[in-house]
N, C-alpha and C. Protein backbone atom coordinates (compact mmCIF):
# COMPACT_ATOMS: atom_id res chain seq x y z
N MET A 1 100.17 109.37 106.64
CA MET A 1 100.45 110.11 105.44
C MET A 1 101.41 109.29 104.68
N LEU A 2 101.28 109.41 103.33
CA LEU A 2 102.14 108.54 102.40
C LEU A 2 103.44 109.13 102.18
N ASN A 3 104.42 108.34 102.31
CA ASN A 3 105.89 108.77 102.24
C ASN A 3 106.40 108.19 100.98
N LEU A 4 106.48 109.04 99.90
CA LEU A 4 106.91 108.56 98.55
C LEU A 4 108.43 108.42 98.48
N THR A 5 109.22 108.82 99.58
CA THR A 5 110.62 108.59 99.56
C THR A 5 110.98 107.22 100.13
N SER A 6 110.05 106.57 100.60
CA SER A 6 110.38 105.14 101.15
C SER A 6 110.48 104.18 99.98
N PRO A 7 111.13 103.04 100.14
CA PRO A 7 111.28 102.07 99.12
C PRO A 7 109.98 101.59 98.63
N LYS A 8 109.83 101.29 97.28
CA LYS A 8 108.56 100.82 96.73
C LYS A 8 108.42 99.46 97.23
N ASN A 9 107.01 99.14 97.59
CA ASN A 9 106.72 97.80 98.09
C ASN A 9 105.70 97.13 97.20
N VAL A 10 105.45 97.60 96.06
CA VAL A 10 104.55 96.98 95.08
C VAL A 10 105.29 97.02 93.75
N GLN A 11 105.46 95.84 93.29
CA GLN A 11 106.28 95.70 92.03
C GLN A 11 105.55 94.76 90.94
N GLY A 12 106.02 94.87 89.75
CA GLY A 12 105.74 93.98 88.71
C GLY A 12 104.17 93.82 88.44
N ALA A 13 103.81 92.43 88.48
CA ALA A 13 102.37 92.10 88.10
C ALA A 13 101.39 92.66 89.11
N GLU A 14 101.87 92.98 90.45
CA GLU A 14 100.93 93.45 91.37
C GLU A 14 100.61 94.87 91.06
N ARG A 15 101.61 95.65 90.56
CA ARG A 15 101.39 97.06 90.08
C ARG A 15 100.38 97.05 88.92
N ALA A 16 100.76 96.15 87.92
CA ALA A 16 99.83 96.08 86.71
C ALA A 16 98.37 95.68 87.14
N ALA A 17 98.27 94.75 87.99
CA ALA A 17 96.88 94.30 88.40
C ALA A 17 96.15 95.45 89.16
N SER A 18 96.95 96.27 89.98
CA SER A 18 96.29 97.43 90.62
C SER A 18 95.77 98.35 89.53
N ILE A 19 96.53 98.77 88.58
CA ILE A 19 96.23 99.69 87.59
C ILE A 19 94.97 99.21 86.79
N ILE A 20 95.03 98.02 86.34
CA ILE A 20 93.99 97.40 85.48
C ILE A 20 92.68 97.30 86.39
N GLY A 21 92.79 96.83 87.53
CA GLY A 21 91.64 96.79 88.48
C GLY A 21 91.03 98.09 88.72
N GLY A 22 91.93 99.03 89.05
CA GLY A 22 91.59 100.33 89.33
C GLY A 22 90.85 101.07 88.17
N LEU A 23 91.26 100.76 86.93
CA LEU A 23 90.58 101.35 85.76
C LEU A 23 89.27 100.70 85.65
N ALA A 24 89.18 99.43 85.94
CA ALA A 24 87.84 98.77 85.77
C ALA A 24 86.85 99.33 86.80
N LEU A 25 87.26 99.45 88.05
CA LEU A 25 86.47 100.02 89.10
C LEU A 25 86.05 101.41 88.75
N LEU A 26 86.99 102.18 88.28
CA LEU A 26 86.66 103.56 87.89
C LEU A 26 85.65 103.65 86.82
N GLY A 27 85.79 102.94 85.77
CA GLY A 27 84.91 102.86 84.65
C GLY A 27 83.46 102.41 85.10
N ASN A 28 83.41 101.32 85.95
CA ASN A 28 82.21 100.81 86.36
C ASN A 28 81.43 101.82 87.28
N GLY A 29 82.24 102.50 88.16
CA GLY A 29 81.67 103.47 89.00
C GLY A 29 81.05 104.64 88.27
N ILE A 30 81.76 105.00 87.17
CA ILE A 30 81.12 106.17 86.31
C ILE A 30 79.84 105.71 85.72
N ARG A 31 79.88 104.46 85.21
CA ARG A 31 78.62 104.01 84.57
C ARG A 31 77.44 103.85 85.51
N THR A 32 77.78 103.33 86.83
CA THR A 32 76.90 102.93 87.77
C THR A 32 76.13 104.29 88.36
N GLY A 33 77.03 105.15 88.75
CA GLY A 33 76.57 106.32 89.38
C GLY A 33 76.02 106.14 90.83
N GLY A 34 75.52 107.20 91.43
CA GLY A 34 74.99 107.04 92.87
C GLY A 34 76.11 106.77 93.82
N LEU A 35 75.75 106.45 95.02
CA LEU A 35 76.67 106.22 96.18
C LEU A 35 77.56 105.09 95.74
N SER A 36 77.10 103.95 95.22
CA SER A 36 77.81 102.85 94.87
C SER A 36 78.80 103.16 93.87
N GLY A 37 78.41 103.97 92.87
CA GLY A 37 79.46 104.41 91.88
C GLY A 37 80.53 105.30 92.37
N VAL A 38 80.28 106.14 93.33
CA VAL A 38 81.25 107.03 93.93
C VAL A 38 82.24 106.19 94.79
N LEU A 39 81.69 105.18 95.46
CA LEU A 39 82.62 104.38 96.29
C LEU A 39 83.58 103.57 95.30
N GLN A 40 83.04 103.04 94.24
CA GLN A 40 83.73 102.30 93.29
C GLN A 40 84.87 103.15 92.63
N MET A 41 84.48 104.45 92.35
CA MET A 41 85.44 105.33 91.74
C MET A 41 86.54 105.64 92.84
N ALA A 42 86.13 105.77 94.04
CA ALA A 42 87.21 106.14 95.09
C ALA A 42 88.19 104.93 95.24
N VAL A 43 87.62 103.69 95.33
CA VAL A 43 88.54 102.61 95.44
C VAL A 43 89.37 102.39 94.20
N GLY A 44 88.72 102.59 93.01
CA GLY A 44 89.57 102.49 91.72
C GLY A 44 90.66 103.50 91.69
N GLY A 45 90.40 104.70 92.11
CA GLY A 45 91.36 105.79 92.05
C GLY A 45 92.55 105.48 93.08
N MET A 46 92.24 104.87 94.21
CA MET A 46 93.30 104.47 95.17
C MET A 46 94.11 103.32 94.53
N ALA A 47 93.53 102.37 93.90
CA ALA A 47 94.17 101.24 93.17
C ALA A 47 95.09 101.81 92.10
N ILE A 48 94.62 102.75 91.26
CA ILE A 48 95.39 103.30 90.19
C ILE A 48 96.63 104.01 90.85
N PHE A 49 96.40 104.74 91.87
CA PHE A 49 97.49 105.53 92.50
C PHE A 49 98.53 104.50 93.07
N ARG A 50 98.04 103.45 93.71
CA ARG A 50 99.00 102.35 94.25
C ARG A 50 99.80 101.77 93.25
N GLY A 51 99.19 101.51 91.99
CA GLY A 51 99.91 100.85 90.94
C GLY A 51 100.83 101.81 90.25
N ALA A 52 100.38 103.06 90.16
CA ALA A 52 101.15 104.06 89.42
C ALA A 52 102.52 104.49 90.21
N THR A 53 102.37 104.51 91.60
CA THR A 53 103.48 104.92 92.42
C THR A 53 104.28 103.83 92.97
N GLY A 54 103.79 102.67 92.99
CA GLY A 54 104.48 101.42 93.60
C GLY A 54 104.52 101.49 95.15
N HIS A 55 103.78 102.42 95.81
CA HIS A 55 103.67 102.47 97.19
C HIS A 55 102.28 102.13 97.82
N CYS A 56 102.19 101.25 98.84
CA CYS A 56 100.99 100.94 99.50
C CYS A 56 101.22 100.98 100.98
N GLU A 57 100.52 102.02 101.60
CA GLU A 57 100.82 102.12 103.03
C GLU A 57 100.19 100.97 103.89
N LEU A 58 99.06 100.40 103.42
CA LEU A 58 98.48 99.28 104.13
C LEU A 58 99.45 98.08 104.07
N LYS A 59 100.06 97.80 102.92
CA LYS A 59 100.98 96.70 102.78
C LYS A 59 102.27 96.88 103.69
N ARG A 60 102.67 98.19 103.76
CA ARG A 60 103.83 98.50 104.50
C ARG A 60 103.49 98.30 106.06
N ILE A 61 102.36 98.71 106.48
CA ILE A 61 101.96 98.44 107.92
C ILE A 61 101.90 97.03 108.25
N LEU A 62 101.20 96.24 107.30
CA LEU A 62 101.06 94.83 107.61
C LEU A 62 102.26 94.12 107.60
N ASP A 63 103.25 94.48 106.77
CA ASP A 63 104.58 93.87 106.66
C ASP A 63 105.36 94.11 107.98
N GLU A 64 105.27 95.42 108.46
CA GLU A 64 105.99 95.70 109.72
C GLU A 64 105.37 94.83 110.91
N LYS A 65 104.12 94.74 110.94
CA LYS A 65 103.49 93.85 111.97
C LYS A 65 103.88 92.51 111.93
N LYS A 66 104.04 92.02 110.70
CA LYS A 66 104.44 90.52 110.34
C LYS A 66 105.77 90.39 110.85
N GLU A 67 106.70 91.34 110.71
CA GLU A 67 108.12 91.10 111.14
C GLU A 67 108.14 91.04 112.73
N HIS A 68 107.35 91.83 113.39
CA HIS A 68 107.33 91.74 114.89
C HIS A 68 106.83 90.56 115.44
N THR A 69 105.87 89.86 114.74
CA THR A 69 105.27 88.65 115.26
C THR A 69 106.10 87.45 115.26
N ASN A 70 107.20 87.45 114.40
CA ASN A 70 108.04 86.36 114.40
C ASN A 70 108.85 86.22 115.68
N ASP A 71 109.19 87.30 116.31
CA ASP A 71 109.94 87.31 117.62
C ASP A 71 108.97 86.75 118.68
N ILE A 72 107.72 87.13 118.63
CA ILE A 72 106.82 86.68 119.65
C ILE A 72 106.55 85.16 119.51
N GLN A 73 106.52 84.62 118.48
CA GLN A 73 106.33 83.13 118.20
C GLN A 73 107.54 82.49 118.53
N ARG A 74 108.68 83.16 118.29
CA ARG A 74 109.97 82.41 118.55
C ARG A 74 110.19 82.19 120.03
N TYR A 75 109.81 83.14 120.94
CA TYR A 75 110.13 82.98 122.29
C TYR A 75 108.89 82.74 123.20
N SER A 76 107.77 82.42 122.59
CA SER A 76 106.58 82.19 123.35
C SER A 76 106.66 80.90 124.08
N HIS A 77 107.52 79.97 123.86
CA HIS A 77 107.55 78.67 124.56
C HIS A 77 108.46 78.84 125.72
N MET A 78 109.18 79.90 126.00
CA MET A 78 110.05 80.03 127.09
C MET A 78 109.28 80.43 128.32
N PRO A 79 109.64 79.81 129.41
CA PRO A 79 108.93 80.12 130.71
C PRO A 79 109.39 81.49 131.22
N LEU A 80 108.41 82.16 131.96
CA LEU A 80 108.78 83.38 132.65
C LEU A 80 109.58 83.17 133.80
N ASP A 81 110.35 84.10 134.36
CA ASP A 81 111.17 84.04 135.43
C ASP A 81 110.33 83.52 136.71
N SER A 82 109.12 84.15 136.75
CA SER A 82 108.25 83.86 137.97
C SER A 82 107.84 82.34 137.88
N GLU A 83 107.70 81.79 136.59
CA GLU A 83 107.32 80.32 136.43
C GLU A 83 108.45 79.45 136.81
N SER A 84 109.67 79.90 136.59
CA SER A 84 110.75 78.98 136.88
C SER A 84 111.04 78.94 138.39
N HIS A 85 110.48 79.87 139.21
CA HIS A 85 110.73 79.81 140.60
C HIS A 85 109.44 79.24 141.38
N SER A 86 108.48 78.73 140.57
CA SER A 86 107.21 78.23 141.19
C SER A 86 107.51 76.86 141.74
N PRO A 87 106.62 76.39 142.69
CA PRO A 87 106.83 75.11 143.36
C PRO A 87 106.71 73.97 142.27
N ASP A 88 106.08 74.12 141.18
CA ASP A 88 106.05 73.17 140.13
C ASP A 88 107.41 72.72 139.64
N PHE A 89 108.41 73.53 139.71
CA PHE A 89 109.71 73.27 139.13
C PHE A 89 110.80 73.01 140.29
N GLN A 90 110.47 72.97 141.50
CA GLN A 90 111.45 72.94 142.58
C GLN A 90 112.12 71.52 142.44
N SER A 91 111.45 70.52 142.18
CA SER A 91 112.03 69.10 142.21
C SER A 91 112.89 68.84 140.92
N GLN A 92 112.75 69.70 139.92
CA GLN A 92 113.54 69.59 138.67
C GLN A 92 114.84 70.34 138.70
N LYS A 93 115.85 69.70 138.10
CA LYS A 93 117.12 70.31 138.05
C LYS A 93 117.19 71.42 136.98
N ALA A 94 116.45 71.02 135.87
CA ALA A 94 116.44 72.03 134.72
C ALA A 94 114.97 72.22 134.37
N LEU A 95 114.77 73.32 133.72
CA LEU A 95 113.42 73.54 133.12
C LEU A 95 113.04 72.67 132.08
N PRO A 96 111.83 72.39 131.80
CA PRO A 96 111.42 71.47 130.67
C PRO A 96 112.17 71.79 129.25
N ASP A 97 112.26 73.02 129.00
CA ASP A 97 112.84 73.46 127.74
C ASP A 97 114.05 74.32 128.19
N SER A 98 115.20 73.67 128.38
CA SER A 98 116.45 74.40 128.80
C SER A 98 117.34 74.81 127.71
N THR A 99 116.81 74.88 126.41
CA THR A 99 117.68 75.42 125.34
C THR A 99 118.00 76.88 125.54
N PRO A 100 119.23 77.26 125.57
CA PRO A 100 119.58 78.72 125.78
C PRO A 100 119.05 79.52 124.63
N MET A 101 118.76 80.82 124.99
CA MET A 101 118.21 81.68 124.02
C MET A 101 119.06 81.89 122.91
N GLY A 102 118.61 81.93 121.68
CA GLY A 102 119.40 82.07 120.51
C GLY A 102 119.97 80.87 119.87
N HIS A 103 119.77 79.64 120.60
CA HIS A 103 120.35 78.39 120.06
C HIS A 103 119.25 77.53 119.69
N GLU A 104 118.04 78.02 119.29
CA GLU A 104 116.91 77.13 118.96
C GLU A 104 117.24 76.43 117.64
N ALA A 105 117.86 76.97 116.78
CA ALA A 105 118.22 76.26 115.53
C ALA A 105 119.29 75.24 115.62
N ARG A 106 120.27 75.51 116.60
CA ARG A 106 121.42 74.61 116.90
C ARG A 106 121.42 74.26 118.37
N PRO A 107 120.51 73.33 118.93
CA PRO A 107 120.36 73.15 120.32
C PRO A 107 121.59 72.56 121.04
N ASN A 108 122.45 71.87 120.20
CA ASN A 108 123.64 71.22 120.94
C ASN A 108 124.77 72.31 120.94
N THR A 109 124.75 73.42 120.39
CA THR A 109 125.85 74.35 120.40
C THR A 109 125.86 75.05 121.70
N PRO A 110 127.05 75.21 122.34
CA PRO A 110 127.08 75.82 123.71
C PRO A 110 126.97 77.29 123.54
């Protein structure tokens, strides 16, 4: 469900493009008619609403997913605890990547 109290996530030229594109789709859908015209009118109406309100639920959901993938990529190189106790690492004093967590940007900082 659309939450209009959340901060706007569509601004400026993107809003204008949504309104202009939505009006074009709406007009073309009216001229075309049939099922194709109805679909064009529906998509055009959604684009007009997106531009008029400044809210886009799809963009909000994708932005949230994008924020969570950064953490996954950041720590994906670190071995699991079970890997560090495997026979492959018994002869080594330190793991191949022994940078403490949180110090990736400054590896020499204790």
